PDB file of N, CA and C in Angstrom:
ATOM      1  N   MET A   1       1.062   2.667 -35.319  1.00  0.00           N
ATOM      2  CA  MET A   1       0.443   1.116 -35.818  1.00  0.00           C
ATOM      3  C   MET A   1       1.333  -0.036 -35.638  1.00  0.00           C
ATOM      4  N   ALA A   2       2.628   0.126 -35.786  1.00  0.00           N
ATOM      5  CA  ALA A   2       3.640  -0.431 -35.715  1.00  0.00           C
ATOM      6  C   ALA A   2       4.019  -0.915 -34.181  1.00  0.00           C
ATOM      7  N   TYR A   3       4.105   0.612 -33.255  1.00  0.00           N
ATOM      8  CA  TYR A   3       3.928   0.341 -31.916  1.00  0.00           C
ATOM      9  C   TYR A   3       3.181  -0.875 -31.329  1.00  0.00           C
ATOM     10  N   PHE A   4       1.989  -0.389 -31.770  1.00  0.00           N
ATOM     11  CA  PHE A   4       0.771  -1.200 -31.243  1.00  0.00           C
ATOM     12  C   PHE A   4       0.896  -2.990 -31.529  1.00  0.00           C
ATOM     13  N   LEU A   5       1.375  -3.065 -33.145  1.00  0.00           N
ATOM     14  CA  LEU A   5       1.698  -4.384 -33.168  1.00  0.00           C
ATOM     15  C   LEU A   5       2.656  -4.840 -32.986  1.00  0.00           C
ATOM     16  N   ASN A   6       3.629  -4.415 -32.232  1.00  0.00           N
ATOM     17  CA  ASN A   6       5.076  -4.978 -31.479  1.00  0.00           C
ATOM     18  C   ASN A   6       4.463  -5.079 -30.355  1.00  0.00           C
ATOM     19  N   HIS A   7       3.781  -4.319 -29.530  1.00  0.00           N
ATOM     20  CA  HIS A   7       3.292  -4.601 -28.142  1.00  0.00           C
ATOM     21  C   HIS A   7       2.027  -5.205 -27.877  1.00  0.00           C
ATOM     22  N   TYR A   8       1.052  -5.569 -28.932  1.00  0.00           N
ATOM     23  CA  TYR A   8       0.130  -6.365 -28.777  1.00  0.00           C
ATOM     24  C   TYR A   8       0.039  -7.798 -28.101  1.00  0.00           C
ATOM     25  N   PRO A   9       1.378  -8.703 -28.244  1.00  0.00           N
ATOM     26  CA  PRO A   9       1.605  -9.726 -27.229  1.00  0.00           C
ATOM     27  C   PRO A   9       1.110  -9.373 -25.725  1.00  0.00           C
ATOM     28  N   LYS A  10       1.611  -8.289 -25.484  1.00  0.00           N
ATOM     29  CA  LYS A  10       1.585  -7.922 -24.109  1.00  0.00           C
ATOM     30  C   LYS A  10       0.112  -7.241 -23.479  1.00  0.00           C
ATOM     31  N   PHE A  11      -0.469  -6.890 -24.516  1.00  0.00           N
ATOM     32  CA  PHE A  11      -1.891  -6.348 -24.213  1.00  0.00           C
ATOM     33  C   PHE A  11      -2.918  -7.427 -24.059  1.00  0.00           C
ATOM     34  N   GLU A  12      -2.316  -8.235 -24.844  1.00  0.00           N
ATOM     35  CA  GLU A  12      -3.416  -9.425 -25.261  1.00  0.00           C
ATOM     36  C   GLU A  12      -3.530 -10.179 -23.902  1.00  0.00           C
ATOM     37  N   ASN A  13      -2.625 -10.147 -22.865  1.00  0.00           N
ATOM     38  CA  ASN A  13      -2.530 -10.715 -21.576  1.00  0.00           C
ATOM     39  C   ASN A  13      -3.640 -10.273 -20.500  1.00  0.00           C
ATOM     40  N   ILE A  14      -3.700  -8.806 -20.673  1.00  0.00           N
ATOM     41  CA  ILE A  14      -4.477  -8.064 -19.914  1.00  0.00           C
ATOM     42  C   ILE A  14      -6.314  -8.465 -20.280  1.00  0.00           C
ATOM     43  N   PHE A  15      -6.589  -8.870 -21.849  1.00  0.00           N
ATOM     44  CA  PHE A  15      -7.867  -9.251 -22.068  1.00  0.00           C
ATOM     45  C   PHE A  15      -7.953 -10.494 -21.663  1.00  0.00           C
ATOM     46  N   LEU A  16      -7.090 -11.400 -21.382  1.00  0.00           N
ATOM     47  CA  LEU A  16      -7.379 -12.673 -20.756  1.00  0.00           C
ATOM     48  C   LEU A  16      -7.303 -13.071 -19.213  1.00  0.00           C
ATOM     49  N   ASP A  17      -6.706 -12.064 -18.630  1.00  0.00           N
ATOM     50  CA  ASP A  17      -6.877 -11.953 -17.533  1.00  0.00           C
ATOM     51  C   ASP A  17      -7.245 -10.912 -16.547  1.00  0.00           C
ATOM     52  N   GLY A  18      -8.388 -10.991 -16.162  1.00  0.00           N
ATOM     53  CA  GLY A  18      -9.138  -9.610 -15.401  1.00  0.00           C
ATOM     54  C   GLY A  18      -7.962  -9.145 -14.013  1.00  0.00           C
ATOM     55  N   ARG A  19      -7.499  -9.850 -13.663  1.00  0.00           N
ATOM     56  CA  ARG A  19      -6.546  -9.630 -12.383  1.00  0.00           C
ATOM     57  C   ARG A  19      -4.980  -8.552 -12.738  1.00  0.00           C
ATOM     58  N   ILE A  20      -5.027  -8.463 -14.158  1.00  0.00           N
ATOM     59  CA  ILE A  20      -4.136  -7.713 -14.620  1.00  0.00           C
ATOM     60  C   ILE A  20      -4.729  -6.193 -14.292  1.00  0.00           C
ATOM     61  N   GLU A  21      -4.043  -5.467 -14.084  1.00  0.00           N
ATOM     62  CA  GLU A  21      -4.019  -3.706 -14.398  1.00  0.00           C
ATOM     63  C   GLU A  21      -3.622  -3.429 -15.586  1.00  0.00           C
ATOM     64  N   LEU A  22      -4.603  -2.411 -16.410  1.00  0.00           N
ATOM     65  CA  LEU A  22      -4.162  -1.921 -17.449  1.00  0.00           C
ATOM     66  C   LEU A  22      -3.393  -0.970 -17.232  1.00  0.00           C
ATOM     67  N   ASP A  23      -3.152  -0.174 -16.290  1.00  0.00           N
ATOM     68  CA  ASP A  23      -2.211   1.068 -16.116  1.00  0.00           C
ATOM     69  C   ASP A  23      -1.373   0.516 -14.844  1.00  0.00           C
ATOM     70  N   ASN A  24      -0.483   1.759 -14.429  1.00  0.00           N
ATOM     71  CA  ASN A  24       0.283   1.565 -13.601  1.00  0.00           C
ATOM     72  C   ASN A  24       0.442   2.333 -12.608  1.00  0.00           C
ATOM     73  N   ASN A  25      -1.064   3.135 -12.298  1.00  0.00           N
ATOM     74  CA  ASN A  25      -1.058   4.153 -11.305  1.00  0.00           C
ATOM     75  C   ASN A  25      -0.600   3.918 -10.215  1.00  0.00           C
ATOM     76  N   LEU A  26      -0.716   2.548  -9.528  1.00  0.00           N
ATOM     77  CA  LEU A  26       0.183   2.383  -8.010  1.00  0.00           C
ATOM     78  C   LEU A  26       1.579   2.500  -8.245  1.00  0.00           C
ATOM     79  N   ILE A  27       2.282   1.998  -9.269  1.00  0.00           N
ATOM     80  CA  ILE A  27       3.713   2.780  -9.119  1.00  0.00           C
ATOM     81  C   ILE A  27       3.880   3.947  -9.151  1.00  0.00           C
ATOM     82  N   GLU A  28       3.427   4.679 -10.084  1.00  0.00           N
ATOM     83  CA  GLU A  28       3.474   6.239 -10.235  1.00  0.00           C
ATOM     84  C   GLU A  28       3.233   6.858  -8.801  1.00  0.00           C
ATOM     85  N   ASN A  29       2.293   6.544  -8.248  1.00  0.00           N
ATOM     86  CA  ASN A  29       1.808   6.934  -7.289  1.00  0.00           C
ATOM     87  C   ASN A  29       3.033   6.821  -5.977  1.00  0.00           C
ATOM     88  N   MET A  30       3.655   5.788  -6.071  1.00  0.00           N
ATOM     89  CA  MET A  30       4.704   5.732  -4.864  1.00  0.00           C
ATOM     90  C   MET A  30       6.064   6.725  -5.713  1.00  0.00           C
ATOM     91  N   ALA A  31       5.910   6.837  -6.849  1.00  0.00           N
ATOM     92  CA  ALA A  31       7.315   7.491  -7.466  1.00  0.00           C
ATOM     93  C   ALA A  31       7.106   8.953  -6.624  1.00  0.00           C
ATOM     94  N   VAL A  32       5.932   9.555  -6.797  1.00  0.00           N
ATOM     95  CA  VAL A  32       5.301  10.699  -6.604  1.00  0.00           C
ATOM     96  C   VAL A  32       5.582  11.057  -5.297  1.00  0.00           C
ATOM     97  N   GLY A  33       5.116  10.154  -4.455  1.00  0.00           N
ATOM     98  CA  GLY A  33       5.550  10.019  -3.096  1.00  0.00           C
ATOM     99  C   GLY A  33       6.530  10.329  -2.475  1.00  0.00           C
ATOM    100  N   ARG A  34       7.536   9.320  -3.057  1.00  0.00           N
ATOM    101  CA  ARG A  34       8.875   9.503  -2.885  1.00  0.00           C
ATOM    102  C   ARG A  34       9.508  10.729  -2.863  1.00  0.00           C
ATOM    103  N   LYS A  35       9.208  11.379  -4.181  1.00  0.00           N
ATOM    104  CA  LYS A  35       9.816  12.928  -4.145  1.00  0.00           C
ATOM    105  C   LYS A  35       8.858  13.654  -3.195  1.00  0.00           C
ATOM    106  N   ASN A  36       7.921  13.704  -2.653  1.00  0.00           N
ATOM    107  CA  ASN A  36       7.221  14.594  -1.956  1.00  0.00           C
ATOM    108  C   ASN A  36       7.998  14.000  -0.282  1.00  0.00           C
ATOM    109  N   TYR A  37       8.694  13.243   0.205  1.00  0.00           N
ATOM    110  CA  TYR A  37       9.356  13.130   1.297  1.00  0.00           C
ATOM    111  C   TYR A  37      10.569  14.094   1.088  1.00  0.00           C
ATOM    112  N   LEU A  38      11.281  14.265   0.153  1.00  0.00           N
ATOM    113  CA  LEU A  38      12.141  15.479   0.128  1.00  0.00           C
ATOM    114  C   LEU A  38      11.941  16.697   0.920  1.00  0.00           C
ATOM    115  N   PHE A  39      10.526  16.947   1.144  1.00  0.00           N
ATOM    116  CA  PHE A  39      10.058  17.701   1.585  1.00  0.00           C
ATOM    117  C   PHE A  39       9.255  18.072   3.199  1.00  0.00           C
ATOM    118  N   CYS A  40      10.028  16.778   3.724  1.00  0.00           N
ATOM    119  CA  CYS A  40       9.452  16.785   4.940  1.00  0.00           C
ATOM    120  C   CYS A  40       9.723  17.601   5.963  1.00  0.00           C
ATOM    121  N   GLY A  41      10.940  17.971   6.079  1.00  0.00           N
ATOM    122  CA  GLY A  41      11.883  18.842   7.074  1.00  0.00           C
ATOM    123  C   GLY A  41      13.008  18.164   7.589  1.00  0.00           C
ATOM    124  N   SER A  42      12.829  17.167   7.615  1.00  0.00           N
ATOM    125  CA  SER A  42      14.256  16.190   8.368  1.00  0.00           C
ATOM    126  C   SER A  42      13.925  15.125   7.792  1.00  0.00           C
ATOM    127  N   HIS A  43      14.895  14.250   8.193  1.00  0.00           N
ATOM    128  CA  HIS A  43      14.977  12.862   7.627  1.00  0.00           C
ATOM    129  C   HIS A  43      14.441  11.989   8.518  1.00  0.00           C
ATOM    130  N   LYS A  44      13.855  12.106   9.971  1.00  0.00           N
ATOM    131  CA  LYS A  44      13.455  11.428  10.526  1.00  0.00           C
ATOM    132  C   LYS A  44      11.909  11.749  10.167  1.00  0.00           C
ATOM    133  N   ALA A  45      11.342  13.076   9.988  1.00  0.00           N
ATOM    134  CA  ALA A  45      10.070  13.173   9.537  1.00  0.00           C
ATOM    135  C   ALA A  45       9.762  12.271   8.226  1.00  0.00           C
ATOM    136  N   ALA A  46      10.471  12.220   6.996  1.00  0.00           N
ATOM    137  CA  ALA A  46      10.239  11.618   6.080  1.00  0.00           C
ATOM    138  C   ALA A  46      10.585   9.811   6.504  1.00  0.00           C
ATOM    139  N   GLN A  47      11.232   9.429   7.566  1.00  0.00           N
ATOM    140  CA  GLN A  47      11.159   8.066   7.777  1.00  0.00           C
ATOM    141  C   GLN A  47       9.711   7.924   8.395  1.00  0.00           C
ATOM    142  N   ASP A  48       9.072   8.884   9.464  1.00  0.00           N
ATOM    143  CA  ASP A  48       7.641   8.780   9.592  1.00  0.00           C
ATOM    144  C   ASP A  48       6.436   8.655   8.841  1.00  0.00           C
ATOM    145  N   ALA A  49       6.750   9.801   7.756  1.00  0.00           N
ATOM    146  CA  ALA A  49       5.921   9.882   6.874  1.00  0.00           C
ATOM    147  C   ALA A  49       5.823   8.451   5.564  1.00  0.00           C
ATOM    148  N   ALA A  50       6.909   8.105   5.527  1.00  0.00           N
ATOM    149  CA  ALA A  50       6.991   6.433   4.648  1.00  0.00           C
ATOM    150  C   ALA A  50       6.180   5.507   5.430  1.00  0.00           C
ATOM    151  N   MET A  51       6.727   5.606   6.694  1.00  0.00           N
ATOM    152  CA  MET A  51       5.913   4.485   7.703  1.00  0.00           C
ATOM    153  C   MET A  51       4.437   4.530   7.324  1.00  0.00           C
ATOM    154  N   LEU A  52       4.044   5.744   7.417  1.00  0.00           N
ATOM    155  CA  LEU A  52       2.601   5.778   7.617  1.00  0.00           C
ATOM    156  C   LEU A  52       1.908   5.340   6.220  1.00  0.00           C
ATOM    157  N   TYR A  53       2.478   5.919   5.157  1.00  0.00           N
ATOM    158  CA  TYR A  53       2.030   5.737   4.051  1.00  0.00           C
ATOM    159  C   TYR A  53       1.967   4.237   3.860  1.00  0.00           C
ATOM    160  N   SER A  54       3.343   3.429   4.130  1.00  0.00           N
ATOM    161  CA  SER A  54       3.170   2.118   3.990  1.00  0.00           C
ATOM    162  C   SER A  54       2.055   1.106   4.989  1.00  0.00           C
ATOM    163  N   PHE A  55       1.525   1.713   6.025  1.00  0.00           N
ATOM    164  CA  PHE A  55       0.268   1.173   6.755  1.00  0.00           C
ATOM    165  C   PHE A  55      -0.774   1.808   6.004  1.00  0.00           C
ATOM    166  N   PHE A  56      -1.012   2.782   5.705  1.00  0.00           N
ATOM    167  CA  PHE A  56      -2.016   3.000   5.123  1.00  0.00           C
ATOM    168  C   PHE A  56      -2.222   2.361   3.501  1.00  0.00           C
ATOM    169  N   GLY A  57      -1.386   1.846   2.509  1.00  0.00           N
ATOM    170  CA  GLY A  57      -0.926   1.304   2.041  1.00  0.00           C
ATOM    171  C   GLY A  57      -1.621  -0.131   2.069  1.00  0.00           C
ATOM    172  N   SER A  58      -0.986  -0.669   3.242  1.00  0.00           N
ATOM    173  CA  SER A  58      -1.415  -2.382   3.628  1.00  0.00           C
ATOM    174  C   SER A  58      -2.980  -2.263   3.906  1.00  0.00           C
ATOM    175  N   CYS A  59      -3.552  -1.198   4.710  1.00  0.00           N
ATOM    176  CA  CYS A  59      -4.704  -1.170   4.478  1.00  0.00           C
ATOM    177  C   CYS A  59      -5.817  -1.113   3.227  1.00  0.00           C
ATOM    178  N   LYS A  60      -5.130  -0.246   2.441  1.00  0.00           N
ATOM    179  CA  LYS A  60      -5.867  -0.171   1.043  1.00  0.00           C
ATOM    180  C   LYS A  60      -6.087  -1.731   0.625  1.00  0.00           C
ATOM    181  N   MET A  61      -4.628  -2.217   0.544  1.00  0.00           N
ATOM    182  CA  MET A  61      -4.573  -3.451  -0.019  1.00  0.00           C
ATOM    183  C   MET A  61      -5.676  -4.319   0.505  1.00  0.00           C
ATOM    184  N   GLN A  62      -5.579  -4.560   1.762  1.00  0.00           N
ATOM    185  CA  GLN A  62      -6.381  -5.530   2.391  1.00  0.00           C
ATOM    186  C   GLN A  62      -7.837  -5.141   2.508  1.00  0.00           C
ATOM    187  N   ASN A  63      -8.519  -4.086   1.758  1.00  0.00           N
ATOM    188  CA  ASN A  63      -9.864  -3.141   2.085  1.00  0.00           C
ATOM    189  C   ASN A  63     -10.136  -3.115   3.640  1.00  0.00           C
ATOM    190  N   ILE A  64      -8.978  -2.453   4.086  1.00  0.00           N
ATOM    191  CA  ILE A  64      -9.302  -1.791   5.607  1.00  0.00           C
ATOM    192  C   ILE A  64      -9.342  -0.729   5.844  1.00  0.00           C
ATOM    193  N   ASN A  65     -10.603  -0.128   6.398  1.00  0.00           N
ATOM    194  CA  ASN A  65     -10.855   1.284   6.479  1.00  0.00           C
ATOM    195  C   ASN A  65      -9.211   1.914   7.375  1.00  0.00           C
ATOM    196  N   PRO A  66      -8.588   2.916   6.444  1.00  0.00           N
ATOM    197  CA  PRO A  66      -7.630   3.179   7.521  1.00  0.00           C
ATOM    198  C   PRO A  66      -7.942   4.131   8.678  1.00  0.00           C
ATOM    199  N   ARG A  67      -8.838   4.978   8.503  1.00  0.00           N
ATOM    200  CA  ARG A  67      -9.293   5.767   9.708  1.00  0.00           C
ATOM    201  C   ARG A  67      -9.445   4.890  10.736  1.00  0.00           C
ATOM    202  N   GLU A  68     -10.393   4.010  10.430  1.00  0.00           N
ATOM    203  CA  GLU A  68     -10.778   3.164  11.630  1.00  0.00           C
ATOM    204  C   GLU A  68      -9.636   2.251  12.500  1.00  0.00           C
ATOM    205  N   TRP A  69      -8.993   1.691  11.356  1.00  0.00           N
ATOM    206  CA  TRP A  69      -7.617   1.152  11.949  1.00  0.00           C
ATOM    207  C   TRP A  69      -6.912   1.902  12.796  1.00  0.00           C
ATOM    208  N   LEU A  70      -6.487   3.191  12.311  1.00  0.00           N
ATOM    209  CA  LEU A  70      -6.042   3.902  13.152  1.00  0.00           C
ATOM    210  C   LEU A  70      -6.493   4.607  14.313  1.00  0.00           C
ATOM    211  N   ALA A  71      -7.601   4.567  14.476  1.00  0.00           N
ATOM    212  CA  ALA A  71      -8.133   5.016  16.056  1.00  0.00           C
ATOM    213  C   ALA A  71      -7.982   3.731  16.554  1.00  0.00           C
ATOM    214  N   SER A  72      -8.487   2.516  16.057  1.00  0.00           N
ATOM    215  CA  SER A  72      -8.433   1.138  16.989  1.00  0.00           C
ATOM    216  C   SER A  72      -6.965   1.101  17.360  1.00  0.00           C
ATOM    217  N   THR A  73      -5.846   1.342  16.655  1.00  0.00           N
ATOM    218  CA  THR A  73      -4.496   0.832  17.095  1.00  0.00           C
ATOM    219  C   THR A  73      -4.165   1.970  17.771  1.00  0.00           C
ATOM    220  N   LEU A  74      -4.567   3.223  17.670  1.00  0.00           N
ATOM    221  CA  LEU A  74      -4.117   4.244  19.200  1.00  0.00           C
ATOM    222  C   LEU A  74      -4.610   3.902  19.999  1.00  0.00           C
ATOM    223  N   GLU A  75      -6.275   3.382  20.350  1.00  0.00           N
ATOM    224  CA  GLU A  75      -6.587   2.845  21.261  1.00  0.00           C
ATOM    225  C   GLU A  75      -6.127   1.510  21.857  1.00  0.00           C
ATOM    226  N   ARG A  76      -5.387   0.808  21.281  1.00  0.00           N
ATOM    227  CA  ARG A  76      -5.091  -0.652  22.126  1.00  0.00           C
ATOM    228  C   ARG A  76      -3.204  -0.763  22.303  1.00  0.00           C
ATOM    229  N   ILE A  77      -2.725   0.330  21.764  1.00  0.00           N
ATOM    230  CA  ILE A  77      -1.553   0.367  21.750  1.00  0.00           C
ATOM    231  C   ILE A  77      -0.684   0.195  23.330  1.00  0.00           C
ATOM    232  N   PRO A  78      -1.418   0.556  24.280  1.00  0.00           N
ATOM    233  CA  PRO A  78      -0.958   0.279  25.830  1.00  0.00           C
ATOM    234  C   PRO A  78      -1.063  -1.189  26.143  1.00  0.00           C
ATOM    235  N   ASP A  79      -1.924  -2.110  25.272  1.00  0.00           N
ATOM    236  CA  ASP A  79      -2.310  -3.569  25.768  1.00  0.00           C
ATOM    237  C   ASP A  79      -1.865  -4.721  24.753  1.00  0.00           C
ATOM    238  N   HIS A  80      -1.060  -4.016  23.738  1.00  0.00           N
ATOM    239  CA  HIS A  80      -0.942  -5.303  22.732  1.00  0.00           C
ATOM    240  C   HIS A  80       0.498  -4.905  22.463  1.00  0.00           C
ATOM    241  N   SER A  81       1.257  -6.054  21.520  1.00  0.00           N
ATOM    242  CA  SER A  81       2.501  -5.975  21.284  1.00  0.00           C
ATOM    243  C   SER A  81       2.243  -5.371  19.794  1.00  0.00           C
ATOM    244  N   LEU A  82       3.272  -5.050  19.118  1.00  0.00           N
ATOM    245  CA  LEU A  82       3.317  -4.253  18.033  1.00  0.00           C
ATOM    246  C   LEU A  82       2.613  -5.013  16.707  1.00  0.00           C
ATOM    247  N   GLN A  83       3.366  -6.465  16.631  1.00  0.00           N
ATOM    248  CA  GLN A  83       2.651  -7.143  15.527  1.00  0.00           C
ATOM    249  C   GLN A  83       1.274  -7.034  15.294  1.00  0.00           C
ATOM    250  N   LYS A  84       0.789  -7.310  16.641  1.00  0.00           N
ATOM    251  CA  LYS A  84      -0.806  -7.481  16.938  1.00  0.00           C
ATOM    252  C   LYS A  84      -1.801  -6.364  16.402  1.00  0.00           C
ATOM    253  N   LEU A  85      -0.827  -5.166  15.893  1.00  0.00           N
ATOM    254  CA  LEU A  85      -1.872  -3.948  15.545  1.00  0.00           C
ATOM    255  C   LEU A  85      -1.481  -3.426  14.324  1.00  0.00           C
ATOM    256  N   LEU A  86      -0.519  -4.685  13.247  1.00  0.00           N
ATOM    257  CA  LEU A  86      -0.594  -4.141  12.016  1.00  0.00           C
ATOM    258  C   LEU A  86      -1.900  -4.322  11.056  1.00  0.00           C
ATOM    259  N   PRO A  87      -1.876  -3.794  10.076  1.00  0.00           N
ATOM    260  CA  PRO A  87      -3.082  -3.822   9.583  1.00  0.00           C
ATOM    261  C   PRO A  87      -3.499  -5.275   9.005  1.00  0.00           C
ATOM    262  N   GLY A  88      -4.514  -5.997   9.173  1.00  0.00           N
ATOM    263  CA  GLY A  88      -4.590  -7.704   8.569  1.00  0.00           C
ATOM    264  C   GLY A  88      -4.236  -8.672   9.325  1.00  0.00           C
ATOM    265  N   TYR A  89      -3.470  -8.189  10.647  1.00  0.00           N
ATOM    266  CA  TYR A  89      -3.295  -8.979  11.486  1.00  0.00           C
ATOM    267  C   TYR A  89      -4.395  -9.786  12.091  1.00  0.00           C
ATOM    268  N   GLN A  90      -4.061 -11.246  12.023  1.00  0.00           N
ATOM    269  CA  GLN A  90      -5.316 -12.245  12.847  1.00  0.00           C
ATOM    270  C   GLN A  90      -4.836 -12.998  13.826  1.00  0.00           C
ATOM    271  N   GLU A  91      -5.125 -13.014  14.842  1.00  0.00           N
ATOM    272  CA  GLU A  91      -4.733 -13.938  15.987  1.00  0.00           C
ATOM    273  C   GLU A  91      -4.791 -15.508  15.266  1.00  0.00           C
ATOM    274  N   LYS A  92      -3.785 -16.006  15.331  1.00  0.00           N
ATOM    275  CA  LYS A  92      -3.992 -17.622  15.540  1.00  0.00           C
ATOM    276  C   LYS A  92      -4.554 -18.113  16.329  1.00  0.00           C
ATOM    277  N   ILE A  93      -5.200 -18.945  15.671  1.00  0.00           N
ATOM    278  CA  ILE A  93      -5.982 -20.450  17.164  1.00  0.00           C
ATOM    279  C   ILE A  93      -5.243 -21.166  16.718  1.00  0.00           C
ATOM    280  N   THR A  94      -4.935 -21.866  17.987  1.00  0.00           N
ATOM    281  CA  THR A  94      -4.287 -22.795  18.393  1.00  0.00           C
ATOM    282  C   THR A  94      -5.116 -24.270  19.110  1.00  0.00           C
ATOM    283  N   SER A  95      -5.420 -25.363  18.491  1.00  0.00           N
ATOM    284  CA  SER A  95      -6.319 -26.411  19.155  1.00  0.00           C
ATOM    285  C   SER A  95      -5.286 -26.808  20.349  1.00  0.00           C
TER     286      SER A  95
END
C-alpha cells in the first residue's frame, strides 16, 4: 500500500489525460526487437531488419497498412526519390 501511495500522483495523470498510455508495451517491444537483432546472421542483416522495423513502426504510428505501403513502395521505386516513398509523406503543394 505504501508503494501505491508514494506513486499515486504519477498514476493520477493517467486518469486526467486520456492520451497517456497506462502501460509501456511499445518500449518493451523495442527492447525485445533489439535483442532479436543479435541473431540476424550478420551486421548488415541486423541493420536491414532494424530499418524494416522502423518503416513498419512509422506505418503503425500513422495508421497506414504496412503491407499496402510496402507493395505500393516497391512498385514506385524506379520513378521516385526515397523521401517521397517514406510512410506518411505528403506532397507539398505550392501555389
